[in-house]
Protein backbone atom coordinates (compact mmCIF):
# COMPACT_ATOMS: atom_id res chain seq x y z
CA MET A 1 0.00 0.00 0.00
CA ALA A 2 2.94 2.35 -0.60
CA GLY A 3 0.83 4.28 -3.12
CA ALA A 4 -2.24 4.67 -0.90
CA ALA A 5 -3.28 8.06 0.49
CA GLN A 6 -1.87 6.98 3.88
CA GLY A 7 1.22 5.38 2.32
CA TRP A 8 4.68 6.53 1.28
CA CYS A 9 3.53 8.64 -1.66
CA GLU A 10 0.02 8.67 -3.10
CA ALA A 11 -0.33 7.28 -6.62
CA PRO A 12 -3.93 8.07 -7.66
CA TYR A 13 -6.11 5.29 -8.99
CA LEU A 14 -6.69 4.76 -12.69
CA SER A 15 -10.36 4.24 -13.58
CA ALA A 16 -11.60 0.98 -15.06
CA PRO A 17 -11.81 0.13 -17.89
CA THR A 18 -8.04 0.53 -17.58
CA GLN A 19 -5.51 -0.06 -20.34
CA LEU A 20 -2.59 -1.74 -18.60
CA ASP A 21 -0.22 -0.40 -21.23
CA ASP A 22 -0.74 2.97 -19.48
CA LEU A 23 0.32 1.68 -16.06
CA GLY A 24 3.97 2.67 -16.22
CA ALA A 25 3.29 6.04 -17.84
CA LYS A 26 1.04 6.97 -14.89
CA ALA A 27 3.60 6.05 -12.22
CA VAL A 28 4.25 8.74 -9.61
CA ARG A 29 7.82 9.74 -8.79
CA VAL A 30 8.62 9.86 -5.08
CA GLU A 31 10.07 13.24 -4.21
CA GLY A 32 12.95 13.49 -1.74
CA SER A 33 13.92 9.84 -1.99
CA THR A 34 17.62 8.90 -1.85
CA TYR A 35 17.09 6.76 -4.93
CA GLU A 36 14.90 7.43 -7.92
CA ALA A 37 11.66 5.66 -7.10
CA HIS A 38 8.29 5.49 -8.80
CA ILE A 39 5.03 4.02 -7.47
CA LEU A 40 2.49 2.51 -9.80
CA PRO A 41 -1.16 3.53 -9.51
CA GLY A 42 -3.91 1.18 -8.45
CA VAL A 43 -7.21 0.75 -10.26
CA LYS A 44 -10.67 1.89 -9.16
CA GLN A 45 -14.11 0.95 -10.39
CA VAL A 46 -16.90 3.45 -9.82
CA SER A 47 -19.93 1.17 -10.17
CA PRO A 48 -20.03 -1.18 -8.42
CA ALA A 49 -17.44 0.54 -6.25
CA ASN A 50 -14.16 -1.35 -5.99
CA VAL A 51 -10.41 -0.80 -5.78
CA MET A 52 -7.19 -2.75 -6.20
CA ARG A 53 -3.51 -2.05 -5.58
CA GLY A 54 -0.87 -4.52 -6.67
CA GLU A 55 -3.01 -7.02 -8.53
CA GLU A 56 -2.99 -4.82 -11.64
CA THR A 57 0.80 -5.17 -11.77
CA GLN A 58 0.57 -8.96 -11.66
CA ILE A 59 -2.01 -8.88 -14.46
CA ALA A 60 0.34 -6.64 -16.47
CA GLY A 61 2.93 -9.39 -16.00
CA LEU A 62 0.49 -11.93 -17.40
CA LEU A 63 -0.07 -9.71 -20.45
CA SER A 64 3.67 -9.38 -20.99
CA HIS A 65 3.80 -13.17 -21.32
CA GLN A 66 0.48 -13.56 -23.14
CA PRO A 67 -0.18 -10.30 -25.03
CA ASP A 68 -3.49 -11.48 -26.52
CA TYR A 69 -4.92 -12.84 -23.26
CA SER A 70 -8.67 -12.39 -22.86
CA GLY A 71 -10.71 -13.88 -20.04
CA THR A 72 -10.81 -14.09 -16.27
CA VAL A 73 -7.95 -13.72 -13.83
CA CYS A 74 -8.46 -14.71 -10.19
CA LEU A 75 -5.94 -13.48 -7.63
CA PRO A 76 -6.60 -15.32 -4.34
CA GLY A 77 -5.56 -13.64 -1.12
CA THR A 78 -6.86 -11.68 1.84
CA HIS A 79 -9.15 -9.82 -0.56
CA THR A 80 -9.49 -12.14 -3.56
CA LYS A 81 -9.92 -10.37 -6.91
CA TRP A 82 -11.90 -11.65 -9.89
CA VAL A 83 -10.90 -9.62 -12.94
CA ARG A 84 -12.20 -9.63 -16.50
CA ILE A 85 -9.51 -8.84 -19.10
CA ASN A 86 -10.15 -7.88 -22.70
CA ASP A 87 -8.07 -5.99 -25.26
CA ARG A 88 -5.20 -5.59 -22.73
CA ALA A 89 -7.52 -3.79 -20.31
CA ILE A 90 -9.06 -4.43 -16.92
CA VAL A 91 -12.72 -4.24 -17.92
CA ALA A 92 -14.41 -5.06 -14.60
CA PHE A 93 -13.58 -6.70 -11.29
CA GLU A 94 -14.98 -7.94 -7.99
CA SER A 95 -13.33 -8.34 -4.59
CA CYS A 96 -14.22 -11.01 -2.03
CA LEU A 97 -13.15 -10.90 1.63
CA THR A 98 -12.75 -14.68 1.78
CA GLY A 99 -9.16 -14.65 3.03
CA GLU A 100 -9.95 -12.12 5.74
CA GLN A 101 -13.03 -14.11 6.75
CA PHE A 102 -10.95 -17.29 7.03
CA ALA A 103 -8.38 -15.51 9.21
CA PHE A 104 -11.08 -14.14 11.52
CA PHE A 105 -13.03 -17.36 11.90
CA SER A 106 -9.93 -19.53 12.34
CA GLU A 107 -8.02 -17.19 14.65
CA ALA A 108 -10.46 -14.95 16.56
CA SER A 109 -13.96 -16.45 16.51
CA VAL A 110 -15.48 -19.30 18.51
CA LEU A 111 -14.46 -21.59 15.64
CA SER A 112 -10.80 -21.02 16.48
CA HIS A 113 -11.13 -23.42 19.43
CA SER A 114 -11.80 -26.19 16.93
CA MET A 115 -8.61 -25.50 14.96
CA ILE A 116 -5.95 -25.16 17.62
CA ASP A 117 -4.02 -28.22 16.41
CA GLY A 118 -3.95 -27.09 12.76
CA GLY A 119 -3.63 -29.70 10.04
CA TRP A 120 -5.55 -30.24 6.83
CA ASP A 121 -8.04 -32.80 5.51
CA ALA A 122 -8.42 -32.81 1.71
CA ASP A 123 -11.62 -34.89 1.80
CA ALA A 124 -13.26 -32.48 4.23
CA PHE A 125 -12.30 -29.53 2.01
CA GLU A 126 -13.81 -31.17 -1.07
CA ALA A 127 -17.02 -32.08 0.78
CA ALA A 128 -17.40 -28.53 2.07
CA VAL A 129 -16.86 -27.01 -1.37
CA ARG A 130 -19.49 -29.33 -2.85
CA LEU A 131 -21.94 -28.42 -0.11
CA ALA A 132 -21.42 -24.69 -0.58
CA ILE A 133 -21.81 -24.97 -4.36
CA GLN A 134 -25.00 -27.01 -4.05
CA ASP A 135 -26.54 -24.86 -1.30
CA PRO A 136 -24.68 -21.57 -0.73
CA LEU A 137 -27.49 -20.28 1.50
CA SER A 138 -26.67 -23.02 4.03
CA VAL A 139 -23.12 -21.74 4.65
CA PRO A 140 -23.93 -19.43 7.60
CA ARG A 141 -25.46 -22.25 9.62
CA ARG A 142 -22.82 -24.74 8.46
CA LEU A 143 -20.13 -22.47 9.89
CA PHE A 144 -21.40 -22.92 13.43
CA ALA A 145 -21.75 -26.62 12.80
CA ILE A 146 -17.95 -26.74 12.57
CA ARG A 147 -17.81 -25.98 16.29
CA ALA A 148 -20.66 -28.36 17.09
CA GLU A 149 -18.99 -31.20 15.19
CA MET A 150 -15.92 -30.80 17.36
CA LEU A 151 -17.98 -30.94 20.55
CA VAL A 152 -20.37 -33.78 19.77
CA ALA A 153 -18.91 -35.74 16.85
CA GLN A 154 -15.14 -35.75 17.52
CA GLN A 155 -14.26 -33.80 14.38
CA SER A 156 -10.51 -33.26 14.11
CA SER A 157 -8.78 -29.91 13.92
CA ALA A 158 -7.63 -30.76 10.39
CA GLN A 159 -11.21 -31.49 9.32
CA ALA A 160 -12.49 -28.30 10.92
CA ARG A 161 -9.91 -26.10 9.25
CA ALA A 162 -10.42 -27.64 5.82
CA THR A 163 -14.21 -27.48 6.16
CA LEU A 164 -14.07 -23.77 6.97
CA SER A 165 -11.89 -23.10 3.94
CA GLY A 166 -14.09 -25.18 1.65
CA LEU A 167 -17.30 -23.50 2.76
CA LEU A 168 -15.91 -20.00 2.29
CA ILE A 169 -14.28 -20.65 -1.09
CA GLY A 170 -17.34 -22.52 -2.37
CA GLN A 171 -19.61 -19.68 -1.26
CA GLU A 172 -17.30 -17.20 -2.98
CA LEU A 173 -17.50 -19.08 -6.26
CA MET A 174 -21.28 -18.98 -6.16
CA SER A 175 -21.20 -15.21 -5.59
CA VAL A 176 -19.27 -14.55 -8.83
CA PRO A 177 -20.40 -17.24 -11.31
CA GLN A 178 -20.23 -14.78 -14.21
CA TYR A 179 -16.44 -14.76 -13.86
CA TRP A 180 -15.86 -18.52 -14.15
CA GLN A 181 -18.84 -20.40 -15.56
CA GLY A 182 -17.99 -21.73 -19.00
CA GLN A 183 -14.54 -20.12 -18.87
CA ASP A 184 -10.92 -21.01 -18.28
CA VAL A 185 -9.61 -19.10 -15.28
CA THR A 186 -6.00 -17.98 -14.74
CA LEU A 187 -4.93 -18.00 -11.08
CA ILE A 188 -2.11 -15.79 -9.78
CA GLY A 189 -1.15 -15.98 -6.12
CA ALA A 190 0.43 -18.11 -3.42
CA THR A 191 0.80 -21.66 -4.72
CA THR A 192 -1.04 -23.38 -1.84
CA LEU A 193 -3.99 -21.01 -2.07
CA CYS A 194 -4.15 -21.21 -5.86
CA ASP A 195 -4.19 -25.00 -5.60
CA LEU A 196 -7.27 -24.80 -3.37
CA TYR A 197 -9.05 -22.45 -5.76
CA SER A 198 -8.14 -24.69 -8.69
CA LYS A 199 -9.62 -27.72 -6.93
CA ALA A 200 -12.76 -25.77 -5.99
CA LEU A 201 -13.21 -24.54 -9.56
CA ALA A 202 -12.83 -28.09 -10.85
CA LEU A 203 -15.58 -29.24 -8.49
CA ALA A 204 -17.75 -26.44 -9.88
CA GLY A 205 -17.08 -27.60 -13.44
CA ALA A 206 -14.49 -24.98 -14.45
CA THR A 207 -10.85 -25.31 -15.41
CA ALA A 208 -7.97 -23.21 -14.15
CA SER A 209 -4.26 -22.70 -14.76
CA ILE A 210 -1.81 -21.36 -12.17
CA LEU A 211 0.93 -18.82 -12.79
CA ASP A 212 3.79 -18.05 -10.40
CA VAL A 213 3.04 -14.85 -8.50
CA THR A 214 6.66 -13.72 -8.21
CA THR A 215 7.29 -14.19 -11.92
CA MET A 216 4.14 -12.26 -12.84
CA THR A 217 4.92 -9.44 -10.39
CA LEU A 218 8.47 -8.97 -11.68
CA ALA A 219 7.28 -9.14 -15.29
CA GLY A 220 4.63 -6.51 -14.56
CA LEU A 221 7.12 -4.19 -12.90
CA THR A 222 9.53 -4.61 -15.80
CA ALA A 223 6.80 -3.82 -18.35
CA ALA A 224 5.72 -0.76 -16.37
CA HIS A 225 9.32 0.48 -16.15
CA GLN A 226 9.69 0.19 -19.92
CA GLN A 227 6.41 2.02 -20.44
CA GLY A 228 7.57 4.82 -18.16
CA GLN A 229 10.82 5.20 -20.05
CA HIS A 230 8.96 5.47 -23.36
CA ALA A 231 6.63 8.08 -21.86
CA ASP A 232 9.63 10.19 -20.76
CA ALA A 233 11.38 9.93 -24.12
């Protein structure tokens, strides 16, 4: 968040639809820095209101590797982004608080008592994703059932943790079906998290490919730097 209003130096948002070829040209130079430094802008969407900072750079990296890419990019994380790309532009996007919800429920809520021992159960994750896809409206009551299962049915910590993740990711998928139904999805993010989203998408009937987040970030920064140099020439 170096470019946020409360950050190091504000880099104002670009408005979607946003041509990512303009990203580097709109970078803001940091005044008074020992080294020459520029901060890339984020992207805002007026309706429905939404913002991103950082993900646009990773998408620019994708476009540097696949210049004609058109489709959906999902960037799992604390605030997962679902982004529609066409003609080298961010056309529209949605943000889901799934990662933040998982952190709260697993670390600060009553459910945290069921996950003290950590671990992971792949079968429990898959079952929870299927349940959330089939009946997303049941997720709120199924969340409390995670605690009840520990108390009355000897559910393990690994099962509880995986069930929570599966319910939240499955519910997220059903909130943004227009971004993945009938489409191939490109995932950019932490490998473990992307693997979970890939498995969940497969259970929902969609296919996904995973790109390395570090590679995409560096490629996006390189492309933006080159764009900035051309703008200054």
